[in-house]
Amino acid sequence: MVAFIDAHPLYDDWQHTPSGPGVGAPEFGPHQVIMVYLWDCAETFSPSAPAGAQWSLVLPNSGTDCSDIHQSTDVAPSTRIDRVHLVTVVPFTFYRGLVSSNKIQGFWGARS
């Protein structure tokens, strides 16, 4: 993310604002706005199933709410995800000062 922001920096009024409390906190710095796709339920495709029944929701191992899948262990390891239900696309603003080797923070919506 740092390399992408460095290669395509955008600047706004927040660039010189400290990103945290205390003396020496890094500035927000340059940023990039990236569109993020948000989805709720996934489906798998079975070509051998009868027409009209080839797509089925991927459900969690325990439950019937297709949107309640949070990590790969929530579904069987052999489950294929062939498509998802796209809910919306939203802009996230990522500042260089909020990117580290173990965490990337961003703001919901574009700030610039």
PDB file of N, CA and C in Angstrom:
ATOM      1  N   MET A   1       0.824  -1.180   0.000  1.00  0.00           N
ATOM      2  CA  MET A   1       0.000   0.000   0.000  1.00  0.00           C
ATOM      3  C   MET A   1       0.880   1.260   0.000  1.00  0.00           C
ATOM      4  N   VAL A   2       1.973   1.209   0.770  1.00  0.00           N
ATOM      5  CA  VAL A   2       2.884   2.357   0.806  1.00  0.00           C
ATOM      6  C   VAL A   2       3.448   2.629  -0.589  1.00  0.00           C
ATOM      7  N   ALA A   3       3.857   1.581  -1.282  1.00  0.00           N
ATOM      8  CA  ALA A   3       4.425   1.754  -2.619  1.00  0.00           C
ATOM      9  C   ALA A   3       3.398   2.366  -3.569  1.00  0.00           C
ATOM     10  N   PHE A   4       2.141   1.941  -3.452  1.00  0.00           N
ATOM     11  CA  PHE A   4       1.098   2.486  -4.323  1.00  0.00           C
ATOM     12  C   PHE A   4       0.849   3.960  -4.012  1.00  0.00           C
ATOM     13  N   ILE A   5       0.748   4.296  -2.733  1.00  0.00           N
ATOM     14  CA  ILE A   5       0.535   5.699  -2.353  1.00  0.00           C
ATOM     15  C   ILE A   5       1.727   6.556  -2.795  1.00  0.00           C
ATOM     16  N   ASP A   6       2.949   6.036  -2.611  1.00  0.00           N
ATOM     17  CA  ASP A   6       4.142   6.786  -3.026  1.00  0.00           C
ATOM     18  C   ASP A   6       4.182   7.001  -4.537  1.00  0.00           C
ATOM     19  N   ALA A   7       3.700   6.022  -5.296  1.00  0.00           N
ATOM     20  CA  ALA A   7       3.727   6.131  -6.757  1.00  0.00           C
ATOM     21  C   ALA A   7       2.617   7.034  -7.291  1.00  0.00           C
ATOM     22  N   HIS A   8       1.515   7.165  -6.540  1.00  0.00           N
ATOM     23  CA  HIS A   8       0.358   7.943  -6.994  1.00  0.00           C
ATOM     24  C   HIS A   8      -0.185   8.809  -5.854  1.00  0.00           C
ATOM     25  N   PRO A   9       0.632   9.697  -5.292  1.00  0.00           N
ATOM     26  CA  PRO A   9       0.181  10.452  -4.113  1.00  0.00           C
ATOM     27  C   PRO A   9      -0.881  11.490  -4.450  1.00  0.00           C
ATOM     28  N   LEU A  10      -1.836  11.609  -3.533  1.00  0.00           N
ATOM     29  CA  LEU A  10      -2.808  12.695  -3.561  1.00  0.00           C
ATOM     30  C   LEU A  10      -2.625  13.466  -2.261  1.00  0.00           C
ATOM     31  N   TYR A  11      -2.915  14.749  -2.292  1.00  0.00           N
ATOM     32  CA  TYR A  11      -2.696  15.581  -1.115  1.00  0.00           C
ATOM     33  C   TYR A  11      -3.978  16.325  -0.760  1.00  0.00           C
ATOM     34  N   ASP A  12      -4.173  16.542   0.534  1.00  0.00           N
ATOM     35  CA  ASP A  12      -5.327  17.294   1.003  1.00  0.00           C
ATOM     36  C   ASP A  12      -4.952  18.066   2.269  1.00  0.00           C
ATOM     37  N   ASP A  13      -5.930  18.651   2.915  1.00  0.00           N
ATOM     38  CA  ASP A  13      -5.677  19.460   4.108  1.00  0.00           C
ATOM     39  C   ASP A  13      -5.202  18.644   5.304  1.00  0.00           C
ATOM     40  N   TRP A  14      -5.316  17.327   5.262  1.00  0.00           N
ATOM     41  CA  TRP A  14      -4.919  16.463   6.381  1.00  0.00           C
ATOM     42  C   TRP A  14      -3.462  16.013   6.300  1.00  0.00           C
ATOM     43  N   GLN A  15      -2.773  16.278   5.211  1.00  0.00           N
ATOM     44  CA  GLN A  15      -1.443  15.697   4.999  1.00  0.00           C
ATOM     45  C   GLN A  15      -0.433  16.039   6.082  1.00  0.00           C
ATOM     46  N   HIS A  16      -0.527  17.203   6.704  1.00  0.00           N
ATOM     47  CA  HIS A  16       0.440  17.583   7.733  1.00  0.00           C
ATOM     48  C   HIS A  16      -0.135  17.475   9.143  1.00  0.00           C
ATOM     49  N   THR A  17      -1.282  16.850   9.274  1.00  0.00           N
ATOM     50  CA  THR A  17      -1.918  16.644  10.573  1.00  0.00           C
ATOM     51  C   THR A  17      -1.351  15.382  11.212  1.00  0.00           C
ATOM     52  N   PRO A  18      -0.964  15.416  12.486  1.00  0.00           N
ATOM     53  CA  PRO A  18      -0.474  14.196  13.144  1.00  0.00           C
ATOM     54  C   PRO A  18      -1.560  13.113  13.148  1.00  0.00           C
ATOM     55  N   SER A  19      -1.151  11.882  12.896  1.00  0.00           N
ATOM     56  CA  SER A  19      -2.105  10.774  12.818  1.00  0.00           C
ATOM     57  C   SER A  19      -2.367  10.126  14.175  1.00  0.00           C
ATOM     58  N   GLY A  20      -1.727  10.615  15.210  1.00  0.00           N
ATOM     59  CA  GLY A  20      -1.929  10.060  16.544  1.00  0.00           C
ATOM     60  C   GLY A  20      -1.550  11.079  17.600  1.00  0.00           C
ATOM     61  N   PRO A  21      -1.743  10.733  18.867  1.00  0.00           N
ATOM     62  CA  PRO A  21      -1.414  11.662  19.945  1.00  0.00           C
ATOM     63  C   PRO A  21       0.089  11.694  20.224  1.00  0.00           C
ATOM     64  N   GLY A  22       0.521  12.732  20.871  1.00  0.00           N
ATOM     65  CA  GLY A  22       1.910  12.813  21.309  1.00  0.00           C
ATOM     66  C   GLY A  22       2.847  13.410  20.279  1.00  0.00           C
ATOM     67  N   VAL A  23       3.980  13.871  20.784  1.00  0.00           N
ATOM     68  CA  VAL A  23       5.007  14.441  19.929  1.00  0.00           C
ATOM     69  C   VAL A  23       5.645  13.317  19.115  1.00  0.00           C
ATOM     70  N   GLY A  24       5.854  13.549  17.859  1.00  0.00           N
ATOM     71  CA  GLY A  24       6.507  12.562  17.013  1.00  0.00           C
ATOM     72  C   GLY A  24       5.558  11.626  16.287  1.00  0.00           C
ATOM     73  N   ALA A  25       4.252  11.786  16.510  1.00  0.00           N
ATOM     74  CA  ALA A  25       3.293  10.954  15.774  1.00  0.00           C
ATOM     75  C   ALA A  25       3.438  11.260  14.288  1.00  0.00           C
ATOM     76  N   PRO A  26       3.403  10.231  13.437  1.00  0.00           N
ATOM     77  CA  PRO A  26       3.556  10.498  12.002  1.00  0.00           C
ATOM     78  C   PRO A  26       2.391  11.324  11.463  1.00  0.00           C
ATOM     79  N   GLU A  27       2.686  12.112  10.454  1.00  0.00           N
ATOM     80  CA  GLU A  27       1.632  12.859   9.791  1.00  0.00           C
ATOM     81  C   GLU A  27       0.794  11.912   8.941  1.00  0.00           C
ATOM     82  N   PHE A  28      -0.431  12.309   8.642  1.00  0.00           N
ATOM     83  CA  PHE A  28      -1.250  11.504   7.736  1.00  0.00           C
ATOM     84  C   PHE A  28      -0.534  11.335   6.410  1.00  0.00           C
ATOM     85  N   GLY A  29       0.048  12.395   5.899  1.00  0.00           N
ATOM     86  CA  GLY A  29       0.813  12.327   4.661  1.00  0.00           C
ATOM     87  C   GLY A  29      -0.069  12.222   3.435  1.00  0.00           C
ATOM     88  N   PRO A  30       0.523  11.834   2.309  1.00  0.00           N
ATOM     89  CA  PRO A  30      -0.261  11.691   1.085  1.00  0.00           C
ATOM     90  C   PRO A  30      -1.241  10.523   1.233  1.00  0.00           C
ATOM     91  N   HIS A  31      -2.188  10.456   0.334  1.00  0.00           N
ATOM     92  CA  HIS A  31      -3.207   9.411   0.420  1.00  0.00           C
ATOM     93  C   HIS A  31      -3.606   8.918  -0.966  1.00  0.00           C
ATOM     94  N   GLN A  32      -4.413   7.892  -0.968  1.00  0.00           N
ATOM     95  CA  GLN A  32      -5.066   7.393  -2.168  1.00  0.00           C
ATOM     96  C   GLN A  32      -6.495   7.016  -1.792  1.00  0.00           C
ATOM     97  N   VAL A  33      -7.418   7.214  -2.703  1.00  0.00           N
ATOM     98  CA  VAL A  33      -8.803   6.791  -2.521  1.00  0.00           C
ATOM     99  C   VAL A  33      -9.002   5.547  -3.391  1.00  0.00           C
ATOM    100  N   ILE A  34      -9.392   4.464  -2.744  1.00  0.00           N
ATOM    101  CA  ILE A  34      -9.562   3.195  -3.444  1.00  0.00           C
ATOM    102  C   ILE A  34     -11.005   2.735  -3.275  1.00  0.00           C
ATOM    103  N   MET A  35     -11.618   2.340  -4.367  1.00  0.00           N
ATOM    104  CA  MET A  35     -12.981   1.830  -4.316  1.00  0.00           C
ATOM    105  C   MET A  35     -12.943   0.389  -3.797  1.00  0.00           C
ATOM    106  N   VAL A  36     -13.764   0.109  -2.793  1.00  0.00           N
ATOM    107  CA  VAL A  36     -13.813  -1.223  -2.172  1.00  0.00           C
ATOM    108  C   VAL A  36     -15.195  -1.810  -2.418  1.00  0.00           C
ATOM    109  N   TYR A  37     -15.225  -3.047  -2.899  1.00  0.00           N
ATOM    110  CA  TYR A  37     -16.475  -3.739  -3.182  1.00  0.00           C
ATOM    111  C   TYR A  37     -16.947  -4.458  -1.921  1.00  0.00           C
ATOM    112  N   LEU A  38     -18.182  -4.206  -1.517  1.00  0.00           N
ATOM    113  CA  LEU A  38     -18.760  -4.848  -0.342  1.00  0.00           C
ATOM    114  C   LEU A  38     -19.818  -5.852  -0.798  1.00  0.00           C
ATOM    115  N   TRP A  39     -19.730  -7.051  -0.281  1.00  0.00           N
ATOM    116  CA  TRP A  39     -20.675  -8.100  -0.666  1.00  0.00           C
ATOM    117  C   TRP A  39     -21.199  -8.797   0.571  1.00  0.00           C
ATOM    118  N   ASP A  40     -22.342  -9.474   0.419  1.00  0.00           N
ATOM    119  CA  ASP A  40     -22.915 -10.140   1.586  1.00  0.00           C
ATOM    120  C   ASP A  40     -22.906 -11.659   1.471  1.00  0.00           C
ATOM    121  N   CYS A  41     -23.428 -12.234   0.414  1.00  0.00           N
ATOM    122  CA  CYS A  41     -23.512 -13.692   0.318  1.00  0.00           C
ATOM    123  C   CYS A  41     -22.771 -14.204  -0.908  1.00  0.00           C
ATOM    124  N   ALA A  42     -22.209 -15.397  -0.760  1.00  0.00           N
ATOM    125  CA  ALA A  42     -21.489 -16.040  -1.858  1.00  0.00           C
ATOM    126  C   ALA A  42     -22.309 -17.213  -2.370  1.00  0.00           C
ATOM    127  N   GLU A  43     -22.038 -17.585  -3.613  1.00  0.00           N
ATOM    128  CA  GLU A  43     -22.715 -18.735  -4.207  1.00  0.00           C
ATOM    129  C   GLU A  43     -21.689 -19.641  -4.877  1.00  0.00           C
ATOM    130  N   THR A  44     -22.069 -20.899  -4.989  1.00  0.00           N
ATOM    131  CA  THR A  44     -21.255 -21.875  -5.695  1.00  0.00           C
ATOM    132  C   THR A  44     -22.071 -22.420  -6.867  1.00  0.00           C
ATOM    133  N   PHE A  45     -21.393 -22.810  -7.937  1.00  0.00           N
ATOM    134  CA  PHE A  45     -22.054 -23.278  -9.158  1.00  0.00           C
ATOM    135  C   PHE A  45     -21.858 -24.782  -9.316  1.00  0.00           C
ATOM    136  N   SER A  46     -22.953 -25.484  -9.587  1.00  0.00           N
ATOM    137  CA  SER A  46     -22.912 -26.939  -9.827  1.00  0.00           C
ATOM    138  C   SER A  46     -23.426 -27.194 -11.237  1.00  0.00           C
ATOM    139  N   PRO A  47     -22.534 -27.382 -12.223  1.00  0.00           N
ATOM    140  CA  PRO A  47     -22.972 -27.533 -13.613  1.00  0.00           C
ATOM    141  C   PRO A  47     -23.816 -28.771 -13.858  1.00  0.00           C
ATOM    142  N   SER A  48     -23.688 -29.792 -13.015  1.00  0.00           N
ATOM    143  CA  SER A  48     -24.461 -31.022 -13.229  1.00  0.00           C
ATOM    144  C   SER A  48     -25.863 -30.952 -12.631  1.00  0.00           C
ATOM    145  N   ALA A  49     -26.152 -29.905 -11.873  1.00  0.00           N
ATOM    146  CA  ALA A  49     -27.491 -29.755 -11.289  1.00  0.00           C
ATOM    147  C   ALA A  49     -28.478 -29.343 -12.372  1.00  0.00           C
ATOM    148  N   PRO A  50     -29.774 -29.604 -12.158  1.00  0.00           N
ATOM    149  CA  PRO A  50     -30.771 -29.207 -13.157  1.00  0.00           C
ATOM    150  C   PRO A  50     -30.812 -27.697 -13.349  1.00  0.00           C
ATOM    151  N   ALA A  51     -31.227 -27.282 -14.538  1.00  0.00           N
ATOM    152  CA  ALA A  51     -31.354 -25.852 -14.819  1.00  0.00           C
ATOM    153  C   ALA A  51     -32.252 -25.210 -13.767  1.00  0.00           C
ATOM    154  N   GLY A  52     -31.850 -24.037 -13.309  1.00  0.00           N
ATOM    155  CA  GLY A  52     -32.603 -23.339 -12.272  1.00  0.00           C
ATOM    156  C   GLY A  52     -32.155 -23.702 -10.870  1.00  0.00           C
ATOM    157  N   ALA A  53     -31.338 -24.744 -10.740  1.00  0.00           N
ATOM    158  CA  ALA A  53     -30.849 -25.163  -9.420  1.00  0.00           C
ATOM    159  C   ALA A  53     -29.328 -25.265  -9.397  1.00  0.00           C
ATOM    160  N   GLN A  54     -28.678 -24.643 -10.358  1.00  0.00           N
ATOM    161  CA  GLN A  54     -27.220 -24.770 -10.455  1.00  0.00           C
ATOM    162  C   GLN A  54     -26.472 -23.854  -9.487  1.00  0.00           C
ATOM    163  N   TRP A  55     -27.097 -22.800  -9.041  1.00  0.00           N
ATOM    164  CA  TRP A  55     -26.469 -21.882  -8.093  1.00  0.00           C
ATOM    165  C   TRP A  55     -27.036 -22.119  -6.707  1.00  0.00           C
ATOM    166  N   SER A  56     -26.162 -22.198  -5.704  1.00  0.00           N
ATOM    167  CA  SER A  56     -26.638 -22.347  -4.321  1.00  0.00           C
ATOM    168  C   SER A  56     -25.792 -21.473  -3.404  1.00  0.00           C
ATOM    169  N   LEU A  57     -26.452 -20.971  -2.352  1.00  0.00           N
ATOM    170  CA  LEU A  57     -25.769 -20.124  -1.391  1.00  0.00           C
ATOM    171  C   LEU A  57     -24.712 -20.909  -0.627  1.00  0.00           C
ATOM    172  N   VAL A  58     -23.615 -20.272  -0.330  1.00  0.00           N
ATOM    173  CA  VAL A  58     -22.602 -20.850   0.535  1.00  0.00           C
ATOM    174  C   VAL A  58     -22.991 -20.461   1.957  1.00  0.00           C
ATOM    175  N   LEU A  59     -23.242 -21.458   2.776  1.00  0.00           N
ATOM    176  CA  LEU A  59     -23.689 -21.222   4.147  1.00  0.00           C
ATOM    177  C   LEU A  59     -22.566 -21.546   5.125  1.00  0.00           C
ATOM    178  N   PRO A  60     -22.575 -20.894   6.288  1.00  0.00           N
ATOM    179  CA  PRO A  60     -21.552 -21.215   7.290  1.00  0.00           C
ATOM    180  C   PRO A  60     -21.756 -22.623   7.825  1.00  0.00           C
ATOM    181  N   ASN A  61     -20.698 -23.213   8.375  1.00  0.00           N
ATOM    182  CA  ASN A  61     -20.785 -24.572   8.923  1.00  0.00           C
ATOM    183  C   ASN A  61     -21.870 -24.691   9.978  1.00  0.00           C
ATOM    184  N   SER A  62     -22.069 -23.660  10.760  1.00  0.00           N
ATOM    185  CA  SER A  62     -23.112 -23.700  11.789  1.00  0.00           C
ATOM    186  C   SER A  62     -24.024 -22.499  11.598  1.00  0.00           C
ATOM    187  N   GLY A  63     -25.145 -22.710  10.929  1.00  0.00           N
ATOM    188  CA  GLY A  63     -26.101 -21.634  10.730  1.00  0.00           C
ATOM    189  C   GLY A  63     -26.657 -21.622   9.332  1.00  0.00           C
ATOM    190  N   THR A  64     -27.614 -20.727   9.131  1.00  0.00           N
ATOM    191  CA  THR A  64     -28.277 -20.636   7.833  1.00  0.00           C
ATOM    192  C   THR A  64     -28.214 -19.240   7.242  1.00  0.00           C
ATOM    193  N   ASP A  65     -27.427 -18.346   7.834  1.00  0.00           N
ATOM    194  CA  ASP A  65     -27.306 -16.976   7.346  1.00  0.00           C
ATOM    195  C   ASP A  65     -26.072 -16.870   6.460  1.00  0.00           C
ATOM    196  N   CYS A  66     -26.293 -16.753   5.156  1.00  0.00           N
ATOM    197  CA  CYS A  66     -25.167 -16.725   4.213  1.00  0.00           C
ATOM    198  C   CYS A  66     -24.247 -15.530   4.418  1.00  0.00           C
ATOM    199  N   SER A  67     -24.731 -14.482   5.060  1.00  0.00           N
ATOM    200  CA  SER A  67     -23.875 -13.312   5.272  1.00  0.00           C
ATOM    201  C   SER A  67     -23.055 -13.427   6.554  1.00  0.00           C
ATOM    202  N   ASP A  68     -23.174 -14.545   7.261  1.00  0.00           N
ATOM    203  CA  ASP A  68     -22.482 -14.720   8.541  1.00  0.00           C
ATOM    204  C   ASP A  68     -21.217 -15.558   8.387  1.00  0.00           C
ATOM    205  N   ILE A  69     -20.523 -15.378   7.279  1.00  0.00           N
ATOM    206  CA  ILE A  69     -19.247 -16.056   7.045  1.00  0.00           C
ATOM    207  C   ILE A  69     -18.149 -15.018   7.234  1.00  0.00           C
ATOM    208  N   HIS A  70     -17.243 -15.279   8.174  1.00  0.00           N
ATOM    209  CA  HIS A  70     -16.224 -14.292   8.513  1.00  0.00           C
ATOM    210  C   HIS A  70     -14.812 -14.707   8.128  1.00  0.00           C
ATOM    211  N   GLN A  71     -14.564 -15.998   8.025  1.00  0.00           N
ATOM    212  CA  GLN A  71     -13.228 -16.464   7.675  1.00  0.00           C
ATOM    213  C   GLN A  71     -13.342 -17.823   7.019  1.00  0.00           C
ATOM    214  N   SER A  72     -12.255 -18.311   6.460  1.00  0.00           N
ATOM    215  CA  SER A  72     -12.303 -19.554   5.688  1.00  0.00           C
ATOM    216  C   SER A  72     -12.724 -20.757   6.514  1.00  0.00           C
ATOM    217  N   THR A  73     -12.543 -20.728   7.816  1.00  0.00           N
ATOM    218  CA  THR A  73     -12.945 -21.872   8.649  1.00  0.00           C
ATOM    219  C   THR A  73     -14.451 -21.916   8.874  1.00  0.00           C
ATOM    220  N   ASP A  74     -15.191 -20.876   8.447  1.00  0.00           N
ATOM    221  CA  ASP A  74     -16.645 -20.868   8.588  1.00  0.00           C
ATOM    222  C   ASP A  74     -17.338 -21.768   7.573  1.00  0.00           C
ATOM    223  N   VAL A  75     -16.620 -22.195   6.536  1.00  0.00           N
ATOM    224  CA  VAL A  75     -17.180 -23.066   5.503  1.00  0.00           C
ATOM    225  C   VAL A  75     -16.258 -24.271   5.312  1.00  0.00           C
ATOM    226  N   ALA A  76     -16.799 -25.315   4.690  1.00  0.00           N
ATOM    227  CA  ALA A  76     -16.001 -26.515   4.430  1.00  0.00           C
ATOM    228  C   ALA A  76     -14.813 -26.152   3.535  1.00  0.00           C
ATOM    229  N   PRO A  77     -13.643 -26.770   3.775  1.00  0.00           N
ATOM    230  CA  PRO A  77     -12.444 -26.437   2.978  1.00  0.00           C
ATOM    231  C   PRO A  77     -12.620 -26.650   1.479  1.00  0.00           C
ATOM    232  N   SER A  78     -13.484 -27.572   1.083  1.00  0.00           N
ATOM    233  CA  SER A  78     -13.661 -27.862  -0.344  1.00  0.00           C
ATOM    234  C   SER A  78     -14.661 -26.928  -1.027  1.00  0.00           C
ATOM    235  N   THR A  79     -15.253 -26.002  -0.281  1.00  0.00           N
ATOM    236  CA  THR A  79     -16.252 -25.095  -0.843  1.00  0.00           C
ATOM    237  C   THR A  79     -15.614 -24.110  -1.812  1.00  0.00           C
ATOM    238  N   ARG A  80     -16.194 -24.035  -3.000  1.00  0.00           N
ATOM    239  CA  ARG A  80     -15.734 -23.057  -3.993  1.00  0.00           C
ATOM    240  C   ARG A  80     -16.668 -21.861  -3.976  1.00  0.00           C
ATOM    241  N   ILE A  81     -16.099 -20.690  -4.084  1.00  0.00           N
ATOM    242  CA  ILE A  81     -16.882 -19.466  -4.231  1.00  0.00           C
ATOM    243  C   ILE A  81     -16.815 -19.087  -5.706  1.00  0.00           C
ATOM    244  N   ASP A  82     -17.968 -19.117  -6.375  1.00  0.00           N
ATOM    245  CA  ASP A  82     -17.994 -18.813  -7.805  1.00  0.00           C
ATOM    246  C   ASP A  82     -18.536 -17.429  -8.119  1.00  0.00           C
ATOM    247  N   ARG A  83     -19.342 -16.879  -7.213  1.00  0.00           N
ATOM    248  CA  ARG A  83     -19.801 -15.500  -7.381  1.00  0.00           C
ATOM    249  C   ARG A  83     -20.313 -14.999  -6.037  1.00  0.00           C
ATOM    250  N   VAL A  84     -20.435 -13.686  -5.932  1.00  0.00           N
ATOM    251  CA  VAL A  84     -20.927 -13.070  -4.700  1.00  0.00           C
ATOM    252  C   VAL A  84     -22.038 -12.082  -5.048  1.00  0.00           C
ATOM    253  N   HIS A  85     -22.829 -11.752  -4.040  1.00  0.00           N
ATOM    254  CA  HIS A  85     -23.869 -10.727  -4.191  1.00  0.00           C
ATOM    255  C   HIS A  85     -23.243  -9.385  -3.825  1.00  0.00           C
ATOM    256  N   LEU A  86     -23.018  -8.565  -4.807  1.00  0.00           N
ATOM    257  CA  LEU A  86     -22.418  -7.252  -4.585  1.00  0.00           C
ATOM    258  C   LEU A  86     -23.466  -6.318  -4.003  1.00  0.00           C
ATOM    259  N   VAL A  87     -23.162  -5.737  -2.852  1.00  0.00           N
ATOM    260  CA  VAL A  87     -24.090  -4.817  -2.189  1.00  0.00           C
ATOM    261  C   VAL A  87     -23.858  -3.393  -2.665  1.00  0.00           C
ATOM    262  N   THR A  88     -22.597  -2.968  -2.639  1.00  0.00           N
ATOM    263  CA  THR A  88     -22.273  -1.607  -3.060  1.00  0.00           C
ATOM    264  C   THR A  88     -20.764  -1.481  -3.262  1.00  0.00           C
ATOM    265  N   VAL A  89     -20.368  -0.363  -3.766  1.00  0.00           N
ATOM    266  CA  VAL A  89     -18.958  -0.016  -3.915  1.00  0.00           C
ATOM    267  C   VAL A  89     -18.781   1.319  -3.201  1.00  0.00           C
ATOM    268  N   VAL A  90     -17.800   1.383  -2.296  1.00  0.00           N
ATOM    269  CA  VAL A  90     -17.599   2.603  -1.523  1.00  0.00           C
ATOM    270  C   VAL A  90     -16.137   3.037  -1.575  1.00  0.00           C
ATOM    271  N   PRO A  91     -15.905   4.343  -1.494  1.00  0.00           N
ATOM    272  CA  PRO A  91     -14.520   4.824  -1.471  1.00  0.00           C
ATOM    273  C   PRO A  91     -13.937   4.737  -0.060  1.00  0.00           C
ATOM    274  N   PHE A  92     -12.704   4.273   0.031  1.00  0.00           N
ATOM    275  CA  PHE A  92     -11.938   4.299   1.275  1.00  0.00           C
ATOM    276  C   PHE A  92     -10.714   5.161   1.026  1.00  0.00           C
ATOM    277  N   THR A  93     -10.394   6.019   1.971  1.00  0.00           N
ATOM    278  CA  THR A  93      -9.207   6.858   1.875  1.00  0.00           C
ATOM    279  C   THR A  93      -8.120   6.255   2.750  1.00  0.00           C
ATOM    280  N   PHE A  94      -6.971   5.970   2.149  1.00  0.00           N
ATOM    281  CA  PHE A  94      -5.838   5.390   2.860  1.00  0.00           C
ATOM    282  C   PHE A  94      -4.691   6.390   2.856  1.00  0.00           C
ATOM    283  N   TYR A  95      -4.275   6.813   4.066  1.00  0.00           N
ATOM    284  CA  TYR A  95      -3.162   7.750   4.218  1.00  0.00           C
ATOM    285  C   TYR A  95      -1.873   6.975   4.478  1.00  0.00           C
ATOM    286  N   ARG A  96      -0.772   7.473   3.922  1.00  0.00           N
ATOM    287  CA  ARG A  96       0.523   6.812   4.093  1.00  0.00           C
ATOM    288  C   ARG A  96       0.898   6.674   5.566  1.00  0.00           C
ATOM    289  N   GLY A  97       0.598   7.664   6.387  1.00  0.00           N
ATOM    290  CA  GLY A  97       0.935   7.635   7.806  1.00  0.00           C
ATOM    291  C   GLY A  97       0.148   6.610   8.610  1.00  0.00           C
ATOM    292  N   LEU A  98      -0.878   6.028   8.011  1.00  0.00           N
ATOM    293  CA  LEU A  98      -1.690   5.018   8.700  1.00  0.00           C
ATOM    294  C   LEU A  98      -1.430   3.611   8.167  1.00  0.00           C
ATOM    295  N   VAL A  99      -0.353   3.465   7.403  1.00  0.00           N
ATOM    296  CA  VAL A  99       0.011   2.153   6.847  1.00  0.00           C
ATOM    297  C   VAL A  99       1.306   1.693   7.501  1.00  0.00           C
ATOM    298  N   SER A 100       1.292   0.491   8.054  1.00  0.00           N
ATOM    299  CA  SER A 100       2.512  -0.089   8.624  1.00  0.00           C
ATOM    300  C   SER A 100       2.647  -1.512   8.121  1.00  0.00           C
ATOM    301  N   SER A 101       3.675  -2.212   8.572  1.00  0.00           N
ATOM    302  CA  SER A 101       3.903  -3.585   8.104  1.00  0.00           C
ATOM    303  C   SER A 101       2.868  -4.562   8.642  1.00  0.00           C
ATOM    304  N   ASN A 102       2.134  -4.179   9.691  1.00  0.00           N
ATOM    305  CA  ASN A 102       1.144  -5.121  10.235  1.00  0.00           C
ATOM    306  C   ASN A 102      -0.270  -4.562  10.294  1.00  0.00           C
ATOM    307  N   LYS A 103      -0.499  -3.341   9.818  1.00  0.00           N
ATOM    308  CA  LYS A 103      -1.849  -2.791   9.860  1.00  0.00           C
ATOM    309  C   LYS A 103      -2.024  -1.720   8.798  1.00  0.00           C
ATOM    310  N   ILE A 104      -3.199  -1.732   8.164  1.00  0.00           N
ATOM    311  CA  ILE A 104      -3.570  -0.678   7.226  1.00  0.00           C
ATOM    312  C   ILE A 104      -4.890  -0.112   7.719  1.00  0.00           C
ATOM    313  N   GLN A 105      -4.892   1.179   8.026  1.00  0.00           N
ATOM    314  CA  GLN A 105      -6.118   1.841   8.453  1.00  0.00           C
ATOM    315  C   GLN A 105      -6.592   2.767   7.346  1.00  0.00           C
ATOM    316  N   GLY A 106      -7.896   2.904   7.241  1.00  0.00           N
ATOM    317  CA  GLY A 106      -8.460   3.795   6.244  1.00  0.00           C
ATOM    318  C   GLY A 106      -9.722   4.441   6.757  1.00  0.00           C
ATOM    319  N   PHE A 107     -10.225   5.371   5.998  1.00  0.00           N
ATOM    320  CA  PHE A 107     -11.448   6.070   6.343  1.00  0.00           C
ATOM    321  C   PHE A 107     -12.544   5.687   5.376  1.00  0.00           C
ATOM    322  N   TRP A 108     -13.691   5.335   5.903  1.00  0.00           N
ATOM    323  CA  TRP A 108     -14.868   5.020   5.098  1.00  0.00           C
ATOM    324  C   TRP A 108     -15.306   6.291   4.406  1.00  0.00           C
ATOM    325  N   GLY A 109     -15.338   6.265   3.113  1.00  0.00           N
ATOM    326  CA  GLY A 109     -15.688   7.456   2.356  1.00  0.00           C
ATOM    327  C   GLY A 109     -14.456   8.261   2.036  1.00  0.00           C
ATOM    328  N   ALA A 110     -14.538   9.016   0.988  1.00  0.00           N
ATOM    329  CA  ALA A 110     -13.408   9.853   0.586  1.00  0.00           C
ATOM    330  C   ALA A 110     -13.392  11.105   1.453  1.00  0.00           C
ATOM    331  N   ARG A 111     -12.230  11.489   1.935  1.00  0.00           N
ATOM    332  CA  ARG A 111     -12.108  12.681   2.775  1.00  0.00           C
ATOM    333  C   ARG A 111     -11.730  13.901   1.958  1.00  0.00           C
ATOM    334  N   SER A 112     -11.321  13.702   0.734  1.00  0.00           N
ATOM    335  CA  SER A 112     -10.876  14.867  -0.039  1.00  0.00           C
ATOM    336  C   SER A 112     -11.970  15.359  -0.960  1.00  0.00           C
TER     337      SER A 112
END
